[in-house]
C-alpha atoms as a PDB file:
ATOM      1  CA  UNK A   1      -9.584 105.968-139.597  1.00  0.00           C
ATOM      2  CA  UNK A   2      -7.294 106.087-136.583  1.00  0.00           C
ATOM      3  CA  UNK A   3      -4.394 103.704-136.341  1.00  0.00           C
ATOM      4  CA  UNK A   4      -3.459 102.610-132.831  1.00  0.00           C
ATOM      5  CA  UNK A   5       0.174 103.237-132.009  1.00  0.00           C
ATOM      6  CA  UNK A   6       2.315 103.595-128.918  1.00  0.00           C
ATOM      7  CA  UNK A   7       2.199 106.897-127.040  1.00  0.00           C
ATOM      8  CA  UNK A   8       4.173 107.097-123.825  1.00  0.00           C
ATOM      9  CA  UNK A   9       2.865 110.356-122.351  1.00  0.00           C
ATOM     10  CA  UNK A  10      -0.115 112.662-122.525  1.00  0.00           C
ATOM     11  CA  UNK A  11       1.986 115.668-121.561  1.00  0.00           C
ATOM     12  CA  UNK A  12       2.492 116.627-125.200  1.00  0.00           C
ATOM     13  CA  UNK A  13       1.235 120.052-126.190  1.00  0.00           C
ATOM     14  CA  UNK A  14       1.267 121.496-122.666  1.00  0.00           C
ATOM     15  CA  UNK A  15       4.496 123.423-122.304  1.00  0.00           C
ATOM     16  CA  UNK A  16       3.685 123.918-118.628  1.00  0.00           C
ATOM     17  CA  UNK A  17       4.616 120.255-118.066  1.00  0.00           C
ATOM     18  CA  UNK A  18       8.259 121.218-118.304  1.00  0.00           C
ATOM     19  CA  UNK A  19      10.366 124.319-118.679  1.00  0.00           C
ATOM     20  CA  UNK A  20      12.085 125.402-121.872  1.00  0.00           C
ATOM     21  CA  UNK A  21      15.498 126.844-122.625  1.00  0.00           C
ATOM     22  CA  UNK A  22      15.364 127.556-126.350  1.00  0.00           C
ATOM     23  CA  UNK A  23      15.627 131.194-127.439  1.00  0.00           C
ATOM     24  CA  UNK A  24      12.944 132.701-129.658  1.00  0.00           C
ATOM     25  CA  UNK A  25      13.885 133.623-133.246  1.00  0.00           C
ATOM     26  CA  UNK A  26      17.162 131.682-133.095  1.00  0.00           C
ATOM     27  CA  UNK A  27      18.087 128.998-135.636  1.00  0.00           C
ATOM     28  CA  UNK A  28      18.591 125.407-134.497  1.00  0.00           C
ATOM     29  CA  UNK A  29      20.031 122.458-136.429  1.00  0.00           C
ATOM     30  CA  UNK A  30      21.075 118.853-135.799  1.00  0.00           C
ATOM     31  CA  UNK A  31      24.137 116.964-137.002  1.00  0.00           C
ATOM     32  CA  UNK A  32      23.595 113.370-138.120  1.00  0.00           C
ATOM     33  CA  UNK A  33      27.192 112.492-137.252  1.00  0.00           C
ATOM     34  CA  UNK A  34      27.133 113.920-133.727  1.00  0.00           C
ATOM     35  CA  UNK A  35      27.075 111.224-131.040  1.00  0.00           C
ATOM     36  CA  UNK A  36      25.547 111.584-128.596  1.00  0.00           C
ATOM     37  CA  UNK A  37      23.066 113.694-130.539  1.00  0.00           C
ATOM     38  CA  UNK A  38      22.817 117.435-129.870  1.00  0.00           C
ATOM     39  CA  UNK A  39      20.443 120.289-130.649  1.00  0.00           C
ATOM     40  CA  UNK A  40      22.732 123.031-131.949  1.00  0.00           C
ATOM     41  CA  UNK A  41      21.993 126.746-131.915  1.00  0.00           C
ATOM     42  CA  UNK A  42      23.390 128.841-134.788  1.00  0.00           C
ATOM     43  CA  UNK A  43      24.738 131.715-132.708  1.00  0.00           C
ATOM     44  CA  UNK A  44      26.409 134.999-133.661  1.00  0.00           C
ATOM     45  CA  UNK A  45      29.377 135.760-131.374  1.00  0.00           C
ATOM     46  CA  UNK A  46      31.675 138.745-131.032  1.00  0.00           C
ATOM     47  CA  UNK A  47      34.905 136.731-131.312  1.00  0.00           C
ATOM     48  CA  UNK A  48      34.138 135.177-134.705  1.00  0.00           C
ATOM     49  CA  UNK A  49      33.349 136.654-138.115  1.00  0.00           C
ATOM     50  CA  UNK A  50      30.917 133.820-138.724  1.00  0.00           C
ATOM     51  CA  UNK A  51      28.155 132.237-136.629  1.00  0.00           C
ATOM     52  CA  UNK A  52      29.109 129.206-134.559  1.00  0.00           C
ATOM     53  CA  UNK A  53      27.169 126.122-133.494  1.00  0.00           C
ATOM     54  CA  UNK A  54      26.498 126.021-129.743  1.00  0.00           C
ATOM     55  CA  UNK A  55      25.034 122.860-128.147  1.00  0.00           C
ATOM     56  CA  UNK A  56      21.919 123.690-126.104  1.00  0.00           C
ATOM     57  CA  UNK A  57      20.847 120.094-125.474  1.00  0.00           C
ATOM     58  CA  UNK A  58      22.816 116.829-125.488  1.00  0.00           C
ATOM     59  CA  UNK A  59      21.233 113.382-125.399  1.00  0.00           C
ATOM     60  CA  UNK A  60      22.457 110.780-122.918  1.00  0.00           C
ATOM     61  CA  UNK A  61      23.284 108.540-125.900  1.00  0.00           C
ATOM     62  CA  UNK A  62      22.499 107.925-129.599  1.00  0.00           C
ATOM     63  CA  UNK A  63      21.938 110.306-132.502  1.00  0.00           C
ATOM     64  CA  UNK A  64      19.268 112.852-133.477  1.00  0.00           C
ATOM     65  CA  UNK A  65      17.820 112.705-136.977  1.00  0.00           C
ATOM     66  CA  UNK A  66      15.271 115.511-137.306  1.00  0.00           C
ATOM     67  CA  UNK A  67      13.886 118.339-135.160  1.00  0.00           C
ATOM     68  CA  UNK A  68      10.686 120.347-134.579  1.00  0.00           C
ATOM     69  CA  UNK A  69       9.504 122.932-132.050  1.00  0.00           C
ATOM     70  CA  UNK A  70       5.999 123.223-130.695  1.00  0.00           C
ATOM     71  CA  UNK A  71       5.599 126.998-130.991  1.00  0.00           C
ATOM     72  CA  UNK A  72       7.368 128.592-128.007  1.00  0.00           C
ATOM     73  CA  UNK A  73       7.792 125.411-126.033  1.00  0.00           C
ATOM     74  CA  UNK A  74       9.500 122.053-126.042  1.00  0.00           C
ATOM     75  CA  UNK A  75      11.658 120.583-128.788  1.00  0.00           C
ATOM     76  CA  UNK A  76      10.754 117.268-130.430  1.00  0.00           C
ATOM     77  CA  UNK A  77      13.161 115.030-132.310  1.00  0.00           C
ATOM     78  CA  UNK A  78      13.357 111.670-134.036  1.00  0.00           C
ATOM     79  CA  UNK A  79      16.148 109.264-133.138  1.00  0.00           C
ATOM     80  CA  UNK A  80      18.345 107.587-135.726  1.00  0.00           C
ATOM     81  CA  UNK A  81      16.144 104.477-135.781  1.00  0.00           C
ATOM     82  CA  UNK A  82      13.436 106.666-137.363  1.00  0.00           C
ATOM     83  CA  UNK A  83      10.825 104.971-135.179  1.00  0.00           C
ATOM     84  CA  UNK A  84      10.724 107.014-131.961  1.00  0.00           C
ATOM     85  CA  UNK A  85       9.816 110.643-131.223  1.00  0.00           C
ATOM     86  CA  UNK A  86      11.300 112.270-128.119  1.00  0.00           C
ATOM     87  CA  UNK A  87      10.507 115.559-126.364  1.00  0.00           C
ATOM     88  CA  UNK A  88      12.900 117.752-124.384  1.00  0.00           C
ATOM     89  CA  UNK A  89      12.759 121.007-122.455  1.00  0.00           C
ATOM     90  CA  UNK A  90      16.515 121.393-122.883  1.00  0.00           C
ATOM     91  CA  UNK A  91      17.289 119.552-119.656  1.00  0.00           C
ATOM     92  CA  UNK A  92      16.007 115.996-120.060  1.00  0.00           C
ATOM     93  CA  UNK A  93      14.340 113.878-122.751  1.00  0.00           C
ATOM     94  CA  UNK A  94      11.347 111.545-122.753  1.00  0.00           C
ATOM     95  CA  UNK A  95      10.076 109.195-125.448  1.00  0.00           C
ATOM     96  CA  UNK A  96       6.510 110.165-126.316  1.00  0.00           C
ATOM     97  CA  UNK A  97       5.703 108.160-129.457  1.00  0.00           C
ATOM     98  CA  UNK A  98       6.721 105.068-131.407  1.00  0.00           C
ATOM     99  CA  UNK A  99       5.724 104.022-134.934  1.00  0.00           C
ATOM    100  CA  UNK A 100       6.327 100.897-136.997  1.00  0.00           C
ATOM    101  CA  UNK A 101       7.202 102.613-140.306  1.00  0.00           C
ATOM    102  CA  UNK A 102      10.353 104.800-140.385  1.00  0.00           C
ATOM    103  CA  UNK A 103       9.596 108.434-139.442  1.00  0.00           C
ATOM    104  CA  UNK A 104      11.406 110.938-141.633  1.00  0.00           C
ATOM    105  CA  UNK A 105      10.208 114.409-140.584  1.00  0.00           C
ATOM    106  CA  UNK A 106       7.861 116.299-138.221  1.00  0.00           C
ATOM    107  CA  UNK A 107       6.088 119.654-138.153  1.00  0.00           C
ATOM    108  CA  UNK A 108       3.317 121.522-136.338  1.00  0.00           C
ATOM    109  CA  UNK A 109       0.501 123.456-137.996  1.00  0.00           C
ATOM    110  CA  UNK A 110      -0.623 126.935-136.902  1.00  0.00           C
ATOM    111  CA  UNK A 111      -2.936 125.429-134.270  1.00  0.00           C
ATOM    112  CA  UNK A 112      -0.128 123.460-132.656  1.00  0.00           C
ATOM    113  CA  UNK A 113      -1.174 120.047-133.986  1.00  0.00           C
ATOM    114  CA  UNK A 114       1.615 117.635-134.780  1.00  0.00           C
ATOM    115  CA  UNK A 115       2.231 115.801-138.045  1.00  0.00           C
ATOM    116  CA  UNK A 116       4.950 113.428-139.154  1.00  0.00           C
ATOM    117  CA  UNK A 117       5.960 111.732-142.380  1.00  0.00           C
ATOM    118  CA  UNK A 118       6.713 108.040-142.753  1.00  0.00           C
ATOM    119  CA  UNK A 119       8.473 106.643-145.810  1.00  0.00           C
ATOM    120  CA  UNK A 120       8.384 102.981-146.753  1.00  0.00           C
ATOM    121  CA  UNK A 121       7.394 100.582-149.501  1.00  0.00           C
ATOM    122  CA  UNK A 122       5.871 102.282-152.535  1.00  0.00           C
ATOM    123  CA  UNK A 123       4.802 105.554-150.925  1.00  0.00           C
ATOM    124  CA  UNK A 124       5.420 108.270-148.362  1.00  0.00           C
ATOM    125  CA  UNK A 125       2.607 109.393-146.054  1.00  0.00           C
ATOM    126  CA  UNK A 126       1.949 112.461-143.896  1.00  0.00           C
ATOM    127  CA  UNK A 127       0.136 111.526-140.676  1.00  0.00           C
ATOM    128  CA  UNK A 128      -1.654 113.526-137.988  1.00  0.00           C
ATOM    129  CA  UNK A 129      -0.851 112.408-134.453  1.00  0.00           C
ATOM    130  CA  UNK A 130      -3.415 112.525-131.642  1.00  0.00           C
ATOM    131  CA  UNK A 131      -1.227 112.037-128.574  1.00  0.00           C
ATOM    132  CA  UNK A 132      -4.111 111.803-126.121  1.00  0.00           C
ATOM    133  CA  UNK A 133      -5.800 108.833-127.795  1.00  0.00           C
ATOM    134  CA  UNK A 134      -2.630 107.250-129.132  1.00  0.00           C
ATOM    135  CA  UNK A 135      -3.916 107.346-132.704  1.00  0.00           C
ATOM    136  CA  UNK A 136      -2.571 108.438-136.059  1.00  0.00           C
ATOM    137  CA  UNK A 137      -4.693 109.547-139.005  1.00  0.00           C
ATOM    138  CA  UNK A 138      -3.476 109.448-142.577  1.00  0.00           C
ATOM    139  CA  UNK A 139      -3.590 112.957-144.072  1.00  0.00           C
ATOM    140  CA  UNK A 140      -2.178 112.388-147.549  1.00  0.00           C
ATOM    141  CA  UNK A 141      -0.053 109.754-149.284  1.00  0.00           C
ATOM    142  CA  UNK A 142       2.293 110.179-152.227  1.00  0.00           C
ATOM    143  CA  UNK A 143       3.101 107.298-154.543  1.00  0.00           C
ATOM    144  CA  UNK A 144       6.792 107.368-155.391  1.00  0.00           C
ATOM    145  CA  UNK A 145       6.047 106.251-158.944  1.00  0.00           C
ATOM    146  CA  UNK A 146       3.423 108.967-159.462  1.00  0.00           C
ATOM    147  CA  UNK A 147       5.751 111.615-158.018  1.00  0.00           C
ATOM    148  CA  UNK A 148       8.550 110.469-160.310  1.00  0.00           C
ATOM    149  CA  UNK A 149       6.226 110.745-163.318  1.00  0.00           C
ATOM    150  CA  UNK A 150       5.087 114.236-162.308  1.00  0.00           C
ATOM    151  CA  UNK A 151       8.280 115.762-160.918  1.00  0.00           C
ATOM    152  CA  UNK A 152      11.038 113.443-162.211  1.00  0.00           C
ATOM    153  CA  UNK A 153      12.210 113.341-158.616  1.00  0.00           C
ATOM    154  CA  UNK A 154      11.963 111.466-155.314  1.00  0.00           C
ATOM    155  CA  UNK A 155      10.328 112.591-152.074  1.00  0.00           C
ATOM    156  CA  UNK A 156      12.623 111.872-149.142  1.00  0.00           C
ATOM    157  CA  UNK A 157       9.932 112.666-146.579  1.00  0.00           C
ATOM    158  CA  UNK A 158      10.850 116.277-145.761  1.00  0.00           C
ATOM    159  CA  UNK A 159       7.804 118.518-145.433  1.00  0.00           C
ATOM    160  CA  UNK A 160       6.618 121.678-143.661  1.00  0.00           C
ATOM    161  CA  UNK A 161       3.507 123.814-143.251  1.00  0.00           C
ATOM    162  CA  UNK A 162       3.532 127.507-144.034  1.00  0.00           C
ATOM    163  CA  UNK A 163       1.731 129.946-141.657  1.00  0.00           C
ATOM    164  CA  UNK A 164      -1.503 129.399-143.636  1.00  0.00           C
ATOM    165  CA  UNK A 165      -1.152 125.617-143.139  1.00  0.00           C
ATOM    166  CA  UNK A 166      -0.369 124.906-146.780  1.00  0.00           C
ATOM    167  CA  UNK A 167       1.654 121.716-147.131  1.00  0.00           C
ATOM    168  CA  UNK A 168       5.075 121.915-148.815  1.00  0.00           C
ATOM    169  CA  UNK A 169       7.347 119.040-149.845  1.00  0.00           C
ATOM    170  CA  UNK A 170      11.057 118.969-150.614  1.00  0.00           C
ATOM    171  CA  UNK A 171      11.593 116.677-153.621  1.00  0.00           C
ATOM    172  CA  UNK A 172      15.065 115.624-154.776  1.00  0.00           C
ATOM    173  CA  UNK A 173      15.928 115.841-158.438  1.00  0.00           C
ATOM    174  CA  UNK A 174      17.126 112.919-160.577  1.00  0.00           C
ATOM    175  CA  UNK A 175      20.299 111.290-159.227  1.00  0.00           C
ATOM    176  CA  UNK A 176      20.461 113.800-156.364  1.00  0.00           C
ATOM    177  CA  UNK A 177      20.739 116.814-158.672  1.00  0.00           C
ATOM    178  CA  UNK A 178      19.446 119.419-156.241  1.00  0.00           C
ATOM    179  CA  UNK A 179      15.966 119.727-154.721  1.00  0.00           C
ATOM    180  CA  UNK A 180      12.743 121.644-155.294  1.00  0.00           C
ATOM    181  CA  UNK A 181      10.084 122.918-152.891  1.00  0.00           C
ATOM    182  CA  UNK A 182       6.559 122.047-154.017  1.00  0.00           C
ATOM    183  CA  UNK A 183       3.301 123.424-152.665  1.00  0.00           C
ATOM    184  CA  UNK A 184       0.594 120.767-152.373  1.00  0.00           C
ATOM    185  CA  UNK A 185      -2.998 121.999-152.629  1.00  0.00           C
ATOM    186  CA  UNK A 186      -6.202 120.530-154.013  1.00  0.00           C
ATOM    187  CA  UNK A 187      -4.470 117.292-154.940  1.00  0.00           C
ATOM    188  CA  UNK A 188      -1.934 119.062-157.146  1.00  0.00           C
ATOM    189  CA  UNK A 189       1.741 119.946-156.793  1.00  0.00           C
ATOM    190  CA  UNK A 190       3.083 123.379-157.736  1.00  0.00           C
ATOM    191  CA  UNK A 191       6.833 123.968-157.922  1.00  0.00           C
ATOM    192  CA  UNK A 192       7.804 127.115-156.000  1.00  0.00           C
ATOM    193  CA  UNK A 193      11.601 126.974-155.772  1.00  0.00           C
ATOM    194  CA  UNK A 194      14.565 124.940-157.057  1.00  0.00           C
ATOM    195  CA  UNK A 195      18.031 124.769-155.531  1.00  0.00           C
ATOM    196  CA  UNK A 196      21.133 123.145-157.005  1.00  0.00           C
ATOM    197  CA  UNK A 197      22.019 121.437-153.695  1.00  0.00           C
ATOM    198  CA  UNK A 198      20.090 118.642-152.004  1.00  0.00           C
ATOM    199  CA  UNK A 199      17.801 120.033-149.293  1.00  0.00           C
ATOM    200  CA  UNK A 200      17.970 118.148-145.971  1.00  0.00           C
ATOM    201  CA  UNK A 201      15.211 119.970-144.067  1.00  0.00           C
ATOM    202  CA  UNK A 202      13.301 123.256-144.161  1.00  0.00           C
ATOM    203  CA  UNK A 203      10.959 125.421-142.106  1.00  0.00           C
ATOM    204  CA  UNK A 204       8.781 128.500-142.557  1.00  0.00           C
ATOM    205  CA  UNK A 205       9.284 131.619-140.435  1.00  0.00           C
ATOM    206  CA  UNK A 206       6.478 133.542-142.167  1.00  0.00           C
ATOM    207  CA  UNK A 207       4.823 133.626-145.584  1.00  0.00           C
ATOM    208  CA  UNK A 208       7.897 135.253-147.126  1.00  0.00           C
ATOM    209  CA  UNK A 209      10.795 133.510-145.353  1.00  0.00           C
ATOM    210  CA  UNK A 210      12.004 129.899-145.401  1.00  0.00           C
ATOM    211  CA  UNK A 211      15.164 128.471-143.860  1.00  0.00           C
ATOM    212  CA  UNK A 212      16.650 125.239-145.212  1.00  0.00           C
ATOM    213  CA  UNK A 213      19.723 123.067-144.764  1.00  0.00           C
ATOM    214  CA  UNK A 214      21.584 121.314-147.566  1.00  0.00           C
ATOM    215  CA  UNK A 215      23.920 118.359-147.988  1.00  0.00           C
ATOM    216  CA  UNK A 216      26.814 120.840-148.310  1.00  0.00           C
ATOM    217  CA  UNK A 217      26.418 121.783-144.606  1.00  0.00           C
ATOM    218  CA  UNK A 218      24.932 125.191-145.304  1.00  0.00           C
ATOM    219  CA  UNK A 219      21.940 126.938-143.761  1.00  0.00           C
ATOM    220  CA  UNK A 220      20.127 129.154-146.259  1.00  0.00           C
ATOM    221  CA  UNK A 221      17.517 131.883-145.968  1.00  0.00           C
ATOM    222  CA  UNK A 222      14.969 132.026-148.799  1.00  0.00           C
ATOM    223  CA  UNK A 223      12.909 135.194-149.304  1.00  0.00           C
ATOM    224  CA  UNK A 224       9.769 135.210-151.459  1.00  0.00           C
ATOM    225  CA  UNK A 225      10.839 131.899-153.051  1.00  0.00           C
ATOM    226  CA  UNK A 226      13.445 133.768-155.085  1.00  0.00           C
ATOM    227  CA  UNK A 227      16.128 135.521-152.993  1.00  0.00           C
ATOM    228  CA  UNK A 228      18.631 133.097-151.435  1.00  0.00           C
ATOM    229  CA  UNK A 229      21.437 133.898-148.993  1.00  0.00           C
ATOM    230  CA  UNK A 230      23.760 131.763-146.862  1.00  0.00           C
ATOM    231  CA  UNK A 231      23.143 132.164-143.111  1.00  0.00           C
ATOM    232  CA  UNK A 232      25.746 129.646-141.972  1.00  0.00           C
ATOM    233  CA  UNK A 233      28.470 127.485-143.543  1.00  0.00           C
ATOM    234  CA  UNK A 234      29.659 124.613-141.379  1.00  0.00           C
ATOM    235  CA  UNK A 235      33.024 122.879-141.637  1.00  0.00           C
ATOM    236  CA  UNK A 236      33.572 119.547-143.337  1.00  0.00           C
ATOM    237  CA  UNK A 237      33.025 116.499-141.190  1.00  0.00           C
ATOM    238  CA  UNK A 238      29.549 117.489-140.071  1.00  0.00           C
ATOM    239  CA  UNK A 239      26.262 116.450-141.673  1.00  0.00           C
ATOM    240  CA  UNK A 240      23.664 119.126-140.932  1.00  0.00           C
ATOM    241  CA  UNK A 241      20.108 117.874-141.149  1.00  0.00           C
ATOM    242  CA  UNK A 242      17.001 119.996-140.614  1.00  0.00           C
ATOM    243  CA  UNK A 243      16.695 123.577-139.362  1.00  0.00           C
ATOM    244  CA  UNK A 244      14.050 125.038-137.065  1.00  0.00           C
ATOM    245  CA  UNK A 245      13.173 128.426-135.583  1.00  0.00           C
ATOM    246  CA  UNK A 246      11.458 128.968-132.223  1.00  0.00           C
ATOM    247  CA  UNK A 247       8.455 131.260-132.571  1.00  0.00           C
ATOM    248  CA  UNK A 248       8.221 134.503-130.597  1.00  0.00           C
ATOM    249  CA  UNK A 249       5.437 134.207-128.003  1.00  0.00           C
ATOM    250  CA  UNK A 250       2.444 136.455-128.536  1.00  0.00           C
ATOM    251  CA  UNK A 251       2.379 139.018-125.728  1.00  0.00           C
ATOM    252  CA  UNK A 252       4.243 136.765-123.369  1.00  0.00           C
ATOM    253  CA  UNK A 253       6.331 137.424-120.319  1.00  0.00           C
ATOM    254  CA  UNK A 254      10.099 137.388-120.095  1.00  0.00           C
ATOM    255  CA  UNK A 255      12.211 134.262-119.625  1.00  0.00           C
ATOM    256  CA  UNK A 256      15.886 134.315-118.657  1.00  0.00           C
ATOM    257  CA  UNK A 257      17.910 131.125-119.131  1.00  0.00           C
ATOM    258  CA  UNK A 258      21.512 130.091-119.510  1.00  0.00           C
ATOM    259  CA  UNK A 259      24.299 127.798-118.405  1.00  0.00           C
ATOM    260  CA  UNK A 260      27.146 127.790-115.907  1.00  0.00           C
ATOM    261  CA  UNK A 261      30.443 127.123-117.670  1.00  0.00           C
ATOM    262  CA  UNK A 262      32.942 125.338-115.424  1.00  0.00           C
ATOM    263  CA  UNK A 263      32.673 125.067-111.638  1.00  0.00           C
ATOM    264  CA  UNK A 264      30.875 121.759-111.996  1.00  0.00           C
ATOM    265  CA  UNK A 265      31.118 120.999-108.277  1.00  0.00           C
ATOM    266  CA  UNK A 266      28.969 124.075-107.567  1.00  0.00           C
ATOM    267  CA  UNK A 267      26.162 123.411-110.030  1.00  0.00           C
ATOM    268  CA  UNK A 268      23.812 121.654-107.639  1.00  0.00           C
ATOM    269  CA  UNK A 269      24.258 124.248-104.852  1.00  0.00           C
ATOM    270  CA  UNK A 270      24.211 127.421-106.947  1.00  0.00           C
ATOM    271  CA  UNK A 271      21.179 129.547-107.743  1.00  0.00           C
ATOM    272  CA  UNK A 272      20.744 132.266-110.348  1.00  0.00           C
ATOM    273  CA  UNK A 273      18.714 135.268-109.246  1.00  0.00           C
ATOM    274  CA  UNK A 274      17.114 138.024-111.305  1.00  0.00           C
ATOM    275  CA  UNK A 275      16.245 141.371-109.667  1.00  0.00           C
ATOM    276  CA  UNK A 276      13.924 143.754-111.453  1.00  0.00           C
ATOM    277  CA  UNK A 277      12.436 145.624-113.008  1.00  0.00           C
ATOM    278  CA  UNK A 278      13.490 148.833-111.182  1.00  0.00           C
ATOM    279  CA  UNK A 279      14.108 147.065-107.866  1.00  0.00           C
ATOM    280  CA  UNK A 280      16.117 148.109-104.841  1.00  0.00           C
ATOM    281  CA  UNK A 281      19.011 145.732-104.146  1.00  0.00           C
ATOM    282  CA  UNK A 282      18.718 145.697-100.344  1.00  0.00           C
ATOM    283  CA  UNK A 283      15.001 144.945-100.191  1.00  0.00           C
ATOM    284  CA  UNK A 284      14.944 142.747-103.300  1.00  0.00           C
ATOM    285  CA  UNK A 285      11.325 143.216-104.382  1.00  0.00           C
ATOM    286  CA  UNK A 286      10.464 141.466-107.616  1.00  0.00           C
ATOM    287  CA  UNK A 287      13.263 138.926-107.221  1.00  0.00           C
ATOM    288  CA  UNK A 288      13.082 135.507-108.880  1.00  0.00           C
ATOM    289  CA  UNK A 289      15.511 132.659-108.256  1.00  0.00           C
ATOM    290  CA  UNK A 290      16.173 129.252-109.876  1.00  0.00           C
ATOM    291  CA  UNK A 291      18.461 126.429-108.737  1.00  0.00           C
ATOM    292  CA  UNK A 292      21.018 125.356-111.317  1.00  0.00           C
ATOM    293  CA  UNK A 293      20.410 121.797-112.540  1.00  0.00           C
ATOM    294  CA  UNK A 294      22.850 118.941-112.791  1.00  0.00           C
ATOM    295  CA  UNK A 295      23.467 119.901-116.418  1.00  0.00           C
ATOM    296  CA  UNK A 296      24.616 123.376-115.381  1.00  0.00           C
ATOM    297  CA  UNK A 297      21.505 125.037-116.814  1.00  0.00           C
ATOM    298  CA  UNK A 298      18.865 127.262-115.256  1.00  0.00           C
ATOM    299  CA  UNK A 299      15.671 128.972-116.377  1.00  0.00           C
ATOM    300  CA  UNK A 300      13.620 131.810-114.826  1.00  0.00           C
ATOM    301  CA  UNK A 301      10.098 131.958-116.230  1.00  0.00           C
ATOM    302  CA  UNK A 302       7.099 134.268-116.228  1.00  0.00           C
ATOM    303  CA  UNK A 303       9.021 137.421-115.363  1.00  0.00           C
ATOM    304  CA  UNK A 304       7.411 140.797-116.170  1.00  0.00           C
ATOM    305  CA  UNK A 305       9.082 142.595-119.029  1.00  0.00           C
ATOM    306  CA  UNK A 306      11.743 145.052-117.932  1.00  0.00           C
ATOM    307  CA  UNK A 307      15.366 145.546-116.959  1.00  0.00           C
ATOM    308  CA  UNK A 308      16.948 142.908-114.710  1.00  0.00           C
ATOM    309  CA  UNK A 309      20.147 142.391-112.773  1.00  0.00           C
ATOM    310  CA  UNK A 310      21.034 138.701-113.005  1.00  0.00           C
ATOM    311  CA  UNK A 311      23.661 137.115-110.761  1.00  0.00           C
ATOM    312  CA  UNK A 312      24.789 133.790-109.262  1.00  0.00           C
ATOM    313  CA  UNK A 313      24.732 133.146-105.536  1.00  0.00           C
ATOM    314  CA  UNK A 314      24.442 130.500-102.815  1.00  0.00           C
ATOM    315  CA  UNK A 315      23.015 132.362 -99.809  1.00  0.00           C
ATOM    316  CA  UNK A 316      21.258 135.173-101.632  1.00  0.00           C
ATOM    317  CA  UNK A 317      24.066 137.712-101.513  1.00  0.00           C
ATOM    318  CA  UNK A 318      27.354 135.796-101.828  1.00  0.00           C
ATOM    319  CA  UNK A 319      28.926 135.441-105.294  1.00  0.00           C
ATOM    320  CA  UNK A 320      30.332 131.951-105.854  1.00  0.00           C
ATOM    321  CA  UNK A 321      33.095 132.576-108.352  1.00  0.00           C
ATOM    322  CA  UNK A 322      31.286 132.890-111.672  1.00  0.00           C
ATOM    323  CA  UNK A 323      32.475 135.822-113.739  1.00  0.00           C
ATOM    324  CA  UNK A 324      30.926 138.144-114.477  1.00  0.00           C
ATOM    325  CA  UNK A 325      29.025 137.550-111.239  1.00  0.00           C
ATOM    326  CA  UNK A 326      26.225 139.878-112.300  1.00  0.00           C
ATOM    327  CA  UNK A 327      24.719 140.986-115.590  1.00  0.00           C
ATOM    328  CA  UNK A 328      22.033 143.456-116.585  1.00  0.00           C
ATOM    329  CA  UNK A 329      19.569 142.772-119.384  1.00  0.00           C
ATOM    330  CA  UNK A 330      16.518 144.425-120.846  1.00  0.00           C
ATOM    331  CA  UNK A 331      14.222 141.422-121.191  1.00  0.00           C
ATOM    332  CA  UNK A 332      11.198 141.595-123.499  1.00  0.00           C
ATOM    333  CA  UNK A 333       8.659 138.933-124.421  1.00  0.00           C
ATOM    334  CA  UNK A 334      11.355 136.475-125.520  1.00  0.00           C
ATOM    335  CA  UNK A 335      14.061 134.349-123.924  1.00  0.00           C
ATOM    336  CA  UNK A 336      17.255 136.089-122.854  1.00  0.00           C
ATOM    337  CA  UNK A 337      20.214 133.691-122.633  1.00  0.00           C
ATOM    338  CA  UNK A 338      22.905 134.567-120.065  1.00  0.00           C
ATOM    339  CA  UNK A 339      25.848 132.219-119.420  1.00  0.00           C
ATOM    340  CA  UNK A 340      28.210 132.511-116.454  1.00  0.00           C
ATOM    341  CA  UNK A 341      31.835 131.325-116.572  1.00  0.00           C
ATOM    342  CA  UNK A 342      33.608 130.036-113.476  1.00  0.00           C
ATOM    343  CA  UNK A 343      36.814 131.750-112.360  1.00  0.00           C
ATOM    344  CA  UNK A 344      38.770 131.394-109.130  1.00  0.00           C
END
């Protein structure tokens, strides 16, 4: 039943193995033409009428093909060779899995178990991956000929689970004439939605909401499989592929993360400190500090919910030229992203 493959780490589902810097409830996409590959956050900003794409992780080299998040934890992506799966906490990457047949897509079910699709030959297959034993188990296979007879379309390997763990496929129409989302249950396919553009990745937020990307570089929101709206339109020259949303942690403490913009020579010696909630500045009870990494990023984890003063410093009380040098935030059970910009 299990097929032996190559797994390069057992630190797979345990988010405690590494930190994370991806904000809950935000949209993330990848661009097939971006080299080196980046995970891009679709962010709303005050200086633009439209959302912008902000890189939150950049690979050392090579492209990113598809993306998935393990609940409120690390990001996983497939490289352009379609044969390797990598994991990242937003700071560094590690290869955790290799497969002989090209990998097209990935997703996690409600229990946090990972699945991937592989497309080759006469069929496409959804596999379950057991990272601890280094084994894959075939879940379901779809004959391209049978799918063409039933749907008049072609399955490009894109799939996702809804919150009830029902399997959905995105199937392209004849000659690339749009795509349809099909629910697969009991060995049968049921068409739930058709769009006139080719879908290049999709994900469920809840039973009523789906986000999907298309070949026209748009990110759409789909409500109740009927109401469609554009969430983001990207410029020509990009090739958006796949969209994912980080889940909000249940209960959960507060996390504050961000990046230092500029002042590169100070990254390794600068710390970011959060004071709160309701602390006295001179005595600093409840303070938490994190050293800024070589990528200019920091993350403060496991903070109690509440209001924080966040600032940059070297010796605990000396600002180092990042403006604004302090910020206040009311941090709940999600990630709060705070960036600091260097100024002399």
